[in-house]
PDB file of N, CA and C in Angstrom:
ATOM      1  N   MET A   1     -18.779  30.863  80.544  1.00  0.00           N
ATOM      2  CA  MET A   1     -18.733  31.575  79.276  1.00  0.00           C
ATOM      3  C   MET A   1     -17.330  32.130  79.067  1.00  0.00           C
ATOM      4  N   ARG A   2     -16.804  31.947  77.911  1.00  0.00           N
ATOM      5  CA  ARG A   2     -15.464  32.438  77.576  1.00  0.00           C
ATOM      6  C   ARG A   2     -15.542  33.873  77.068  1.00  0.00           C
ATOM      7  N   THR A   3     -14.483  34.614  77.344  1.00  0.00           N
ATOM      8  CA  THR A   3     -14.425  35.980  76.835  1.00  0.00           C
ATOM      9  C   THR A   3     -13.997  35.947  75.369  1.00  0.00           C
ATOM     10  N   GLU A   4     -14.214  37.049  74.690  1.00  0.00           N
ATOM     11  CA  GLU A   4     -13.843  37.132  73.282  1.00  0.00           C
ATOM     12  C   GLU A   4     -12.340  36.940  73.098  1.00  0.00           C
ATOM     13  N   SER A   5     -11.550  37.495  74.004  1.00  0.00           N
ATOM     14  CA  SER A   5     -10.093  37.356  73.875  1.00  0.00           C
ATOM     15  C   SER A   5      -9.652  35.907  74.080  1.00  0.00           C
ATOM     16  N   GLN A   6     -10.311  35.179  74.977  1.00  0.00           N
ATOM     17  CA  GLN A   6      -9.982  33.768  75.171  1.00  0.00           C
ATOM     18  C   GLN A   6     -10.304  32.962  73.912  1.00  0.00           C
ATOM     19  N   ILE A   7     -11.426  33.273  73.302  1.00  0.00           N
ATOM     20  CA  ILE A   7     -11.821  32.567  72.082  1.00  0.00           C
ATOM     21  C   ILE A   7     -10.835  32.869  70.962  1.00  0.00           C
ATOM     22  N   LYS A   8     -10.428  34.121  70.846  1.00  0.00           N
ATOM     23  CA  LYS A   8      -9.463  34.499  69.809  1.00  0.00           C
ATOM     24  C   LYS A   8      -8.123  33.808  70.021  1.00  0.00           C
ATOM     25  N   ARG A   9      -7.681  33.699  71.283  1.00  0.00           N
ATOM     26  CA  ARG A   9      -6.418  33.003  71.570  1.00  0.00           C
ATOM     27  C   ARG A   9      -6.506  31.536  71.165  1.00  0.00           C
ATOM     28  N   LYS A  10      -7.632  30.904  71.501  1.00  0.00           N
ATOM     29  CA  LYS A  10      -7.817  29.501  71.145  1.00  0.00           C
ATOM     30  C   LYS A  10      -7.868  29.336  69.631  1.00  0.00           C
ATOM     31  N   LEU A  11      -8.527  30.262  68.954  1.00  0.00           N
ATOM     32  CA  LEU A  11      -8.600  30.218  67.498  1.00  0.00           C
ATOM     33  C   LEU A  11      -7.203  30.317  66.892  1.00  0.00           C
ATOM     34  N   ASN A  12      -6.393  31.233  67.385  1.00  0.00           N
ATOM     35  CA  ASN A  12      -5.016  31.368  66.890  1.00  0.00           C
ATOM     36  C   ASN A  12      -4.202  30.107  67.156  1.00  0.00           C
ATOM     37  N   GLU A  13      -4.399  29.517  68.324  1.00  0.00           N
ATOM     38  CA  GLU A  13      -3.700  28.271  68.662  1.00  0.00           C
ATOM     39  C   GLU A  13      -4.077  27.165  67.675  1.00  0.00           C
ATOM     40  N   LEU A  14      -5.366  27.052  67.384  1.00  0.00           N
ATOM     41  CA  LEU A  14      -5.816  26.021  66.450  1.00  0.00           C
ATOM     42  C   LEU A  14      -5.307  26.279  65.034  1.00  0.00           C
ATOM     43  N   LEU A  15      -5.243  27.537  64.635  1.00  0.00           N
ATOM     44  CA  LEU A  15      -4.714  27.864  63.310  1.00  0.00           C
ATOM     45  C   LEU A  15      -3.240  27.468  63.199  1.00  0.00           C
ATOM     46  N   GLN A  16      -2.481  27.663  64.271  1.00  0.00           N
ATOM     47  CA  GLN A  16      -1.077  27.248  64.273  1.00  0.00           C
ATOM     48  C   GLN A  16      -0.968  25.728  64.203  1.00  0.00           C
ATOM     49  N   GLN A  17      -1.832  25.035  64.954  1.00  0.00           N
ATOM     50  CA  GLN A  17      -1.831  23.574  64.906  1.00  0.00           C
ATOM     51  C   GLN A  17      -2.156  23.082  63.501  1.00  0.00           C
ATOM     52  N   GLN A  18      -3.110  23.741  62.865  1.00  0.00           N
ATOM     53  CA  GLN A  18      -3.492  23.351  61.512  1.00  0.00           C
ATOM     54  C   GLN A  18      -2.316  23.502  60.550  1.00  0.00           C
ATOM     55  N   GLN A  19      -1.586  24.597  60.655  1.00  0.00           N
ATOM     56  CA  GLN A  19      -0.425  24.807  59.784  1.00  0.00           C
ATOM     57  C   GLN A  19       0.620  23.718  59.999  1.00  0.00           C
ATOM     58  N   THR A  20       0.849  23.368  61.249  1.00  0.00           N
ATOM     59  CA  THR A  20       1.817  22.315  61.567  1.00  0.00           C
ATOM     60  C   THR A  20       1.381  20.980  60.977  1.00  0.00           C
ATOM     61  N   ILE A  21       0.111  20.663  61.142  1.00  0.00           N
ATOM     62  CA  ILE A  21      -0.396  19.386  60.631  1.00  0.00           C
ATOM     63  C   ILE A  21      -0.349  19.353  59.110  1.00  0.00           C
ATOM     64  N   GLU A  22      -0.691  20.469  58.463  1.00  0.00           N
ATOM     65  CA  GLU A  22      -0.630  20.505  57.000  1.00  0.00           C
ATOM     66  C   GLU A  22       0.800  20.286  56.504  1.00  0.00           C
ATOM     67  N   ALA A  23       1.768  20.842  57.208  1.00  0.00           N
ATOM     68  CA  ALA A  23       3.168  20.622  56.836  1.00  0.00           C
ATOM     69  C   ALA A  23       3.539  19.150  57.016  1.00  0.00           C
ATOM     70  N   ARG A  24       3.050  18.547  58.098  1.00  0.00           N
ATOM     71  CA  ARG A  24       3.338  17.131  58.332  1.00  0.00           C
ATOM     72  C   ARG A  24       2.661  16.251  57.286  1.00  0.00           C
ATOM     73  N   ILE A  25       1.463  16.654  56.837  1.00  0.00           N
ATOM     74  CA  ILE A  25       0.764  15.888  55.799  1.00  0.00           C
ATOM     75  C   ILE A  25       1.575  15.898  54.511  1.00  0.00           C
ATOM     76  N   GLU A  26       2.126  17.058  54.163  1.00  0.00           N
ATOM     77  CA  GLU A  26       2.935  17.159  52.947  1.00  0.00           C
ATOM     78  C   GLU A  26       4.172  16.268  53.019  1.00  0.00           C
ATOM     79  N   GLN A  27       4.751  16.143  54.214  1.00  0.00           N
ATOM     80  CA  GLN A  27       5.960  15.338  54.382  1.00  0.00           C
ATOM     81  C   GLN A  27       5.650  13.849  54.466  1.00  0.00           C
ATOM     82  N   ALA A  28       4.451  13.538  54.947  1.00  0.00           N
ATOM     83  CA  ALA A  28       4.094  12.134  55.138  1.00  0.00           C
ATOM     84  C   ALA A  28       3.868  11.467  53.793  1.00  0.00           C
ATOM     85  N   GLY A  29       4.267  10.239  53.733  1.00  0.00           N
ATOM     86  CA  GLY A  29       3.983   9.462  52.533  1.00  0.00           C
ATOM     87  C   GLY A  29       2.530   9.028  52.557  1.00  0.00           C
ATOM     88  N   SER A  30       2.167   8.215  51.619  1.00  0.00           N
ATOM     89  CA  SER A  30       0.808   7.699  51.640  1.00  0.00           C
ATOM     90  C   SER A  30       0.716   6.630  52.720  1.00  0.00           C
ATOM     91  N   GLY A  31      -0.465   6.427  53.205  1.00  0.00           N
ATOM     92  CA  GLY A  31      -0.642   5.377  54.184  1.00  0.00           C
ATOM     93  C   GLY A  31      -1.364   5.832  55.426  1.00  0.00           C
ATOM     94  N   VAL A  32      -1.178   5.050  56.464  1.00  0.00           N
ATOM     95  CA  VAL A  32      -1.911   5.237  57.707  1.00  0.00           C
ATOM     96  C   VAL A  32      -1.587   6.577  58.361  1.00  0.00           C
ATOM     97  N   GLU A  33      -0.316   6.957  58.367  1.00  0.00           N
ATOM     98  CA  GLU A  33       0.068   8.216  59.015  1.00  0.00           C
ATOM     99  C   GLU A  33      -0.616   9.402  58.340  1.00  0.00           C
ATOM    100  N   ARG A  34      -0.618   9.394  57.021  1.00  0.00           N
ATOM    101  CA  ARG A  34      -1.244  10.491  56.270  1.00  0.00           C
ATOM    102  C   ARG A  34      -2.748  10.544  56.548  1.00  0.00           C
ATOM    103  N   GLU A  35      -3.393   9.394  56.588  1.00  0.00           N
ATOM    104  CA  GLU A  35      -4.832   9.337  56.872  1.00  0.00           C
ATOM    105  C   GLU A  35      -5.131   9.861  58.268  1.00  0.00           C
ATOM    106  N   ALA A  36      -4.308   9.492  59.238  1.00  0.00           N
ATOM    107  CA  ALA A  36      -4.508   9.955  60.612  1.00  0.00           C
ATOM    108  C   ALA A  36      -4.329  11.467  60.705  1.00  0.00           C
ATOM    109  N   LEU A  37      -3.310  11.990  60.035  1.00  0.00           N
ATOM    110  CA  LEU A  37      -3.079  13.435  60.049  1.00  0.00           C
ATOM    111  C   LEU A  37      -4.212  14.183  59.351  1.00  0.00           C
ATOM    112  N   THR A  38      -4.715  13.619  58.268  1.00  0.00           N
ATOM    113  CA  THR A  38      -5.826  14.247  57.553  1.00  0.00           C
ATOM    114  C   THR A  38      -7.074  14.276  58.428  1.00  0.00           C
ATOM    115  N   ALA A  39      -7.341  13.189  59.135  1.00  0.00           N
ATOM    116  CA  ALA A  39      -8.495  13.154  60.038  1.00  0.00           C
ATOM    117  C   ALA A  39      -8.330  14.172  61.163  1.00  0.00           C
ATOM    118  N   GLN A  40      -7.136  14.271  61.706  1.00  0.00           N
ATOM    119  CA  GLN A  40      -6.869  15.245  62.763  1.00  0.00           C
ATOM    120  C   GLN A  40      -7.050  16.664  62.231  1.00  0.00           C
ATOM    121  N   ASN A  41      -6.601  16.912  61.018  1.00  0.00           N
ATOM    122  CA  ASN A  41      -6.745  18.226  60.399  1.00  0.00           C
ATOM    123  C   ASN A  41      -8.227  18.575  60.218  1.00  0.00           C
ATOM    124  N   GLU A  42      -9.034  17.609  59.829  1.00  0.00           N
ATOM    125  CA  GLU A  42     -10.469  17.848  59.659  1.00  0.00           C
ATOM    126  C   GLU A  42     -11.128  18.204  60.989  1.00  0.00           C
ATOM    127  N   ARG A  43     -10.727  17.528  62.064  1.00  0.00           N
ATOM    128  CA  ARG A  43     -11.283  17.850  63.390  1.00  0.00           C
ATOM    129  C   ARG A  43     -10.905  19.262  63.808  1.00  0.00           C
ATOM    130  N   ILE A  44      -9.663  19.642  63.537  1.00  0.00           N
ATOM    131  CA  ILE A  44      -9.220  20.999  63.880  1.00  0.00           C
ATOM    132  C   ILE A  44      -9.989  22.027  63.054  1.00  0.00           C
ATOM    133  N   LEU A  45     -10.204  21.735  61.773  1.00  0.00           N
ATOM    134  CA  LEU A  45     -10.976  22.654  60.932  1.00  0.00           C
ATOM    135  C   LEU A  45     -12.401  22.821  61.456  1.00  0.00           C
ATOM    136  N   ASP A  46     -13.000  21.739  61.941  1.00  0.00           N
ATOM    137  CA  ASP A  46     -14.340  21.832  62.529  1.00  0.00           C
ATOM    138  C   ASP A  46     -14.333  22.739  63.754  1.00  0.00           C
ATOM    139  N   ARG A  47     -13.320  22.590  64.596  1.00  0.00           N
ATOM    140  CA  ARG A  47     -13.220  23.432  65.791  1.00  0.00           C
ATOM    141  C   ARG A  47     -12.996  24.894  65.413  1.00  0.00           C
ATOM    142  N   ILE A  48     -12.177  25.129  64.387  1.00  0.00           N
ATOM    143  CA  ILE A  48     -11.936  26.496  63.916  1.00  0.00           C
ATOM    144  C   ILE A  48     -13.243  27.109  63.424  1.00  0.00           C
ATOM    145  N   ASP A  49     -13.996  26.349  62.627  1.00  0.00           N
ATOM    146  CA  ASP A  49     -15.281  26.848  62.122  1.00  0.00           C
ATOM    147  C   ASP A  49     -16.225  27.203  63.265  1.00  0.00           C
ATOM    148  N   MET A  50     -16.255  26.348  64.294  1.00  0.00           N
ATOM    149  CA  MET A  50     -17.132  26.598  65.428  1.00  0.00           C
ATOM    150  C   MET A  50     -16.735  27.883  66.163  1.00  0.00           C
ATOM    151  N   LEU A  51     -15.448  28.068  66.395  1.00  0.00           N
ATOM    152  CA  LEU A  51     -14.996  29.275  67.092  1.00  0.00           C
ATOM    153  C   LEU A  51     -15.239  30.525  66.253  1.00  0.00           C
ATOM    154  N   GLU A  52     -15.044  30.417  64.942  1.00  0.00           N
ATOM    155  CA  GLU A  52     -15.327  31.561  64.077  1.00  0.00           C
ATOM    156  C   GLU A  52     -16.810  31.904  64.111  1.00  0.00           C
ATOM    157  N   TRP A  53     -17.656  30.887  64.174  1.00  0.00           N
ATOM    158  CA  TRP A  53     -19.093  31.128  64.259  1.00  0.00           C
ATOM    159  C   TRP A  53     -19.426  31.846  65.559  1.00  0.00           C
ATOM    160  N   VAL A  54     -18.800  31.426  66.656  1.00  0.00           N
ATOM    161  CA  VAL A  54     -19.047  32.071  67.950  1.00  0.00           C
ATOM    162  C   VAL A  54     -18.611  33.534  67.903  1.00  0.00           C
ATOM    163  N   LEU A  55     -17.452  33.802  67.307  1.00  0.00           N
ATOM    164  CA  LEU A  55     -16.963  35.180  67.226  1.00  0.00           C
ATOM    165  C   LEU A  55     -17.837  36.038  66.317  1.00  0.00           C
ATOM    166  N   ASN A  56     -18.368  35.440  65.264  1.00  0.00           N
ATOM    167  CA  ASN A  56     -19.188  36.168  64.300  1.00  0.00           C
ATOM    168  C   ASN A  56     -20.642  35.723  64.422  1.00  0.00           C
ATOM    169  N   GLU A  57     -21.121  35.701  65.655  1.00  0.00           N
ATOM    170  CA  GLU A  57     -22.457  35.196  65.946  1.00  0.00           C
ATOM    171  C   GLU A  57     -23.496  35.876  65.062  1.00  0.00           C
ATOM    172  N   PRO A  58     -24.332  35.065  64.422  1.00  0.00           N
ATOM    173  CA  PRO A  58     -25.359  35.638  63.553  1.00  0.00           C
ATOM    174  C   PRO A  58     -26.311  36.540  64.341  1.00  0.00           C
ATOM    175  N   VAL A  59     -26.799  37.547  63.683  1.00  0.00           N
ATOM    176  CA  VAL A  59     -27.777  38.442  64.304  1.00  0.00           C
ATOM    177  C   VAL A  59     -29.117  38.225  63.627  1.00  0.00           C
ATOM    178  N   GLY A  60     -30.160  38.580  64.326  1.00  0.00           N
ATOM    179  CA  GLY A  60     -31.488  38.427  63.759  1.00  0.00           C
ATOM    180  C   GLY A  60     -32.163  37.192  64.305  1.00  0.00           C
ATOM    181  N   SER A  61     -33.316  36.938  63.785  1.00  0.00           N
ATOM    182  CA  SER A  61     -34.123  35.824  64.250  1.00  0.00           C
ATOM    183  C   SER A  61     -34.029  34.664  63.268  1.00  0.00           C
ATOM    184  N   TYR A  62     -33.959  33.483  63.797  1.00  0.00           N
ATOM    185  CA  TYR A  62     -33.906  32.286  62.967  1.00  0.00           C
ATOM    186  C   TYR A  62     -35.209  32.121  62.191  1.00  0.00           C
ATOM    187  N   HIS A  63     -36.317  32.473  62.829  1.00  0.00           N
ATOM    188  CA  HIS A  63     -37.637  32.266  62.235  1.00  0.00           C
ATOM    189  C   HIS A  63     -38.209  33.537  61.623  1.00  0.00           C
ATOM    190  N   ALA A  64     -37.358  34.454  61.231  1.00  0.00           N
ATOM    191  CA  ALA A  64     -37.859  35.733  60.699  1.00  0.00           C
ATOM    192  C   ALA A  64     -38.507  35.576  59.355  1.00  0.00           C
TER     193      ALA A  64
END
């Protein structure tokens, strides 16, 4: 199990990676490179969403 501070560090790392990739997407022309960067950005966004969910874990019962 990861500590909250470890999760926050990883989240910050992913946010920095996302900013870098978005800058590279803007510089990239159309084509394969842009598509690859966009796919990579989507994967990073999924990981960011997952970590944010872990940090803001829902409370209550699913079947309430």
